[in-house]
């Protein structure tokens, strides 16, 4: 997945975990936490142009993803799809059909695993 997708998924999980006082269940949050923080720090240290390149051209590879992680990734992706569809339907100023397409393609790719 792209660095942007990875950071978005982990950021979404972090928000969910924060709402529960970090008492929620998340298979990937704990497993991917350290990698998330390392990638996030590297991205933040880049110049604006390099950051954009890294977010959308950089890749994060998760090897041997267990079924429980895959289910959680799909849930996060579906949440992003729902959010983007809602923004488009509501003519939100930040709505972007390209963002929706990116997440729909990622879901299709994950479903093939």
Protein backbone atom coordinates (compact mmCIF):
# COMPACT_ATOMS: atom_id res chain seq x y z
CA UNK A 1 0.00 0.00 0.00
CA UNK A 2 1.10 3.58 -0.38
CA UNK A 3 2.60 5.42 2.56
CA UNK A 4 -0.50 7.67 2.53
CA UNK A 5 -2.83 4.66 2.80
CA UNK A 6 -0.77 3.15 5.61
CA UNK A 7 -0.65 6.40 7.59
CA UNK A 8 -4.38 6.98 7.03
CA UNK A 9 -5.30 3.49 8.23
CA UNK A 10 -3.11 3.79 11.31
CA UNK A 11 -4.33 7.33 12.02
CA UNK A 12 -7.93 6.14 11.82
CA UNK A 13 -7.20 3.28 14.20
CA UNK A 14 -5.42 5.67 16.54
CA UNK A 15 -8.53 7.88 16.65
CA UNK A 16 -10.69 4.84 17.41
CA UNK A 17 -8.30 3.69 20.12
CA UNK A 18 -8.14 7.16 21.66
CA UNK A 19 -11.96 7.31 21.86
CA UNK A 20 -11.95 4.10 23.90
CA UNK A 21 -9.11 5.21 26.15
CA UNK A 22 -6.85 2.73 24.31
CA UNK A 23 -8.92 -0.13 25.71
CA UNK A 24 -10.26 -1.23 22.33
CA UNK A 25 -9.27 -4.27 20.37
CA UNK A 26 -7.09 -3.87 17.31
CA UNK A 27 -4.90 -6.58 15.88
CA UNK A 28 -3.00 -4.29 13.54
CA UNK A 29 -2.68 -1.24 15.78
CA UNK A 30 -0.34 -3.01 18.17
CA UNK A 31 1.42 -5.02 15.49
CA UNK A 32 2.08 -2.06 13.21
CA UNK A 33 2.47 0.72 15.80
CA UNK A 34 6.28 0.95 15.76
CA UNK A 35 6.47 0.88 11.98
CA UNK A 36 3.75 3.55 11.81
CA UNK A 37 5.64 5.90 14.12
CA UNK A 38 8.90 5.38 12.24
CA UNK A 39 7.32 6.01 8.83
CA UNK A 40 5.42 9.02 10.15
CA UNK A 41 8.62 10.55 11.58
CA UNK A 42 10.45 10.04 8.28
CA UNK A 43 7.64 11.68 6.33
CA UNK A 44 7.43 14.64 8.71
CA UNK A 45 11.18 15.28 8.33
CA UNK A 46 10.89 15.72 4.55
CA UNK A 47 10.42 18.94 2.62
CA UNK A 48 6.92 19.61 1.30
CA UNK A 49 7.63 18.27 -2.20
CA UNK A 50 9.55 15.24 -0.96
CA UNK A 51 6.75 14.55 1.53
CA UNK A 52 4.15 14.55 -1.25
CA UNK A 53 6.29 12.19 -3.31
CA UNK A 54 6.78 9.85 -0.35
CA UNK A 55 3.09 9.82 0.58
CA UNK A 56 1.81 8.87 -2.84
CA UNK A 57 4.76 7.14 -4.49
CA UNK A 58 6.32 5.46 -1.46
CA UNK A 59 5.17 1.98 -0.53
CA UNK A 60 4.77 0.11 2.72
CA UNK A 61 4.86 -3.67 2.48
CA UNK A 62 3.28 -5.88 5.09
CA UNK A 63 4.46 -9.45 4.68
CA UNK A 64 2.48 -12.52 5.68
CA UNK A 65 -0.58 -10.62 6.85
CA UNK A 66 -2.75 -12.80 9.11
CA UNK A 67 -6.47 -13.14 8.36
CA UNK A 68 -7.47 -11.08 11.41
CA UNK A 69 -5.27 -8.21 10.23
CA UNK A 70 -6.71 -8.43 6.73
CA UNK A 71 -10.26 -8.16 8.09
CA UNK A 72 -9.31 -5.07 10.07
CA UNK A 73 -7.59 -3.48 7.06
CA UNK A 74 -10.75 -4.03 5.01
CA UNK A 75 -12.84 -2.42 7.74
CA UNK A 76 -10.57 0.64 7.75
CA UNK A 77 -10.67 0.88 3.97
CA UNK A 78 -14.47 0.58 3.97
CA UNK A 79 -14.60 3.39 6.52
CA UNK A 80 -12.54 5.59 4.19
CA UNK A 81 -14.79 4.70 1.25
CA UNK A 82 -17.89 5.58 3.25
CA UNK A 83 -16.40 8.87 4.39
CA UNK A 84 -15.43 9.89 0.85
CA UNK A 85 -18.82 8.88 -0.58
CA UNK A 86 -20.56 10.95 2.07
CA UNK A 87 -18.36 13.96 1.35
CA UNK A 88 -19.13 13.68 -2.37
CA UNK A 89 -22.88 13.30 -1.77
CA UNK A 90 -22.86 16.35 0.50
CA UNK A 91 -20.82 18.40 -2.00
CA UNK A 92 -18.21 18.95 0.69
CA UNK A 93 -15.49 21.37 -0.40
CA UNK A 94 -12.86 18.71 0.42
CA UNK A 95 -14.63 15.95 -1.52
CA UNK A 96 -12.45 14.36 -4.16
CA UNK A 97 -13.69 11.53 -6.39
CA UNK A 98 -10.05 10.56 -7.03
CA UNK A 99 -9.60 9.85 -3.32
CA UNK A 100 -12.68 7.63 -3.38
CA UNK A 101 -11.31 5.79 -6.40
CA UNK A 102 -7.96 5.23 -4.68
CA UNK A 103 -9.66 3.59 -1.68
CA UNK A 104 -11.99 1.52 -3.88
CA UNK A 105 -8.98 0.22 -5.82
CA UNK A 106 -7.14 -0.57 -2.58
CA UNK A 107 -10.18 -2.53 -1.35
CA UNK A 108 -10.30 -4.48 -4.59
CA UNK A 109 -6.60 -5.30 -4.26
CA UNK A 110 -7.00 -6.39 -0.63
CA UNK A 111 -10.01 -8.52 -1.55
CA UNK A 112 -7.79 -10.41 -4.00
CA UNK A 113 -5.43 -11.50 -1.20
